[in-house]
Amino acid sequence: MCRNITTLRGLEPVATPEEIEAAARQYVRKVSGVAKPTDATGDAFERAVAAVTAATTELLGTLPPRRVPPKNDPPLRRIACARTA
C-alpha cells in the first residue's frame, strides 16, 4: 500500500513542511479512498491530513539520522535539488 510515497527521512536538504504535507495527503487519499474531498468528506479528510502531517513531522524530528540516504531521492521533484541539478 502507498508504495509511491517518497521516503522523507534522510533527504538532503531535509524534507520541507510542504513535502511532509504532500505525503500525508497522499496517504490519507489512499487509505480513505477519497481522491477529491467533497462537502461531505472535506472536514474529516483535512483533519486526517493535519494529524498525519503532525505525526510525520514529530517522527522525522525524533528519529536518528539515517546511515544511508534513501534510494528513492526524487531530485527532479524537489525544487531545491532541481535548481542545482
Protein backbone atom coordinates (compact mmCIF):
# COMPACT_ATOMS: atom_id res chain seq x y z
CA MET A 1 0.00 0.00 0.00
CA CYS A 2 1.23 3.54 -0.77
CA ARG A 3 4.39 2.29 -2.44
CA ASN A 4 4.84 5.56 -4.28
CA ILE A 5 5.08 7.79 -1.20
CA THR A 6 8.61 9.14 -1.11
CA THR A 7 10.84 8.30 1.83
CA LEU A 8 11.33 11.61 3.62
CA ARG A 9 13.85 10.64 6.28
CA GLY A 10 17.42 11.29 5.23
CA LEU A 11 16.77 13.64 2.33
CA GLU A 12 19.32 16.39 1.71
CA PRO A 13 18.18 19.07 2.09
CA VAL A 14 15.76 17.84 4.74
CA ALA A 15 12.12 17.31 3.85
CA THR A 16 10.15 20.54 3.78
CA PRO A 17 6.80 21.04 5.51
CA GLU A 18 5.21 21.05 2.05
CA GLU A 19 6.74 17.67 1.20
CA ILE A 20 5.58 16.25 4.53
CA GLU A 21 2.04 17.51 3.96
CA ALA A 22 2.01 16.18 0.38
CA ALA A 23 2.99 12.73 1.64
CA ALA A 24 0.33 12.92 4.36
CA ARG A 25 -2.29 13.97 1.79
CA GLN A 26 -1.32 11.07 -0.47
CA TYR A 27 -1.52 8.62 2.45
CA VAL A 28 -4.96 9.88 3.53
CA ARG A 29 -6.23 9.70 -0.06
CA LYS A 30 -5.04 6.10 -0.30
CA VAL A 31 -6.40 4.78 2.99
CA SER A 32 -9.70 6.67 2.78
CA GLY A 33 -10.44 6.08 -0.88
CA VAL A 34 -11.27 9.77 -1.18
CA ALA A 35 -9.46 11.16 -4.22
CA LYS A 36 -11.22 14.53 -4.20
CA PRO A 37 -12.77 15.66 -0.91
CA THR A 38 -16.37 16.83 -1.15
CA ASP A 39 -18.53 18.83 1.27
CA ALA A 40 -19.41 15.54 2.97
CA THR A 41 -15.80 14.31 3.30
CA GLY A 42 -13.75 17.52 3.32
CA ASP A 43 -13.61 18.24 7.06
CA ALA A 44 -12.70 14.69 8.05
CA PHE A 45 -10.17 14.49 5.22
CA GLU A 46 -8.41 17.74 6.20
CA ARG A 47 -8.35 16.77 9.90
CA ALA A 48 -6.74 13.47 8.94
CA VAL A 49 -4.17 15.24 6.75
CA ALA A 50 -3.31 17.60 9.61
CA ALA A 51 -2.97 14.71 12.07
CA VAL A 52 -0.77 12.65 9.75
CA THR A 53 1.33 15.71 8.91
CA ALA A 54 1.87 16.43 12.62
CA ALA A 55 2.71 12.81 13.39
CA THR A 56 5.14 12.60 10.47
CA THR A 57 6.84 15.86 11.44
CA GLU A 58 7.26 14.61 15.01
CA LEU A 59 8.53 11.24 13.82
CA LEU A 60 11.11 12.74 11.45
CA GLY A 61 12.23 15.12 14.19
CA THR A 62 12.84 12.37 16.72
CA LEU A 63 14.42 9.62 14.62
CA PRO A 64 18.21 9.44 14.49
CA PRO A 65 19.91 10.37 11.21
CA ARG A 66 19.97 7.68 8.53
CA ARG A 67 23.26 5.92 7.91
CA VAL A 68 22.46 5.58 4.22
CA PRO A 69 20.39 8.08 2.22
CA PRO A 70 17.08 6.79 0.84
CA LYS A 71 17.35 5.10 -2.55
CA ASN A 72 14.35 6.92 -3.96
CA ASP A 73 15.56 10.53 -3.54
CA PRO A 74 13.34 12.38 -6.03
CA PRO A 75 15.70 15.18 -7.17
CA LEU A 76 13.59 16.14 -10.17
CA ARG A 77 10.52 16.70 -7.99
CA ARG A 78 12.34 18.69 -5.32
CA ILE A 79 12.66 22.40 -6.13
CA ALA A 80 15.86 22.84 -4.11
CA CYS A 81 17.51 19.90 -5.87
CA ALA A 82 16.16 20.72 -9.31
CA ARG A 83 17.76 24.18 -9.19
CA THR A 84 21.20 22.72 -8.54
CA ALA A 85 20.87 19.84 -11.00
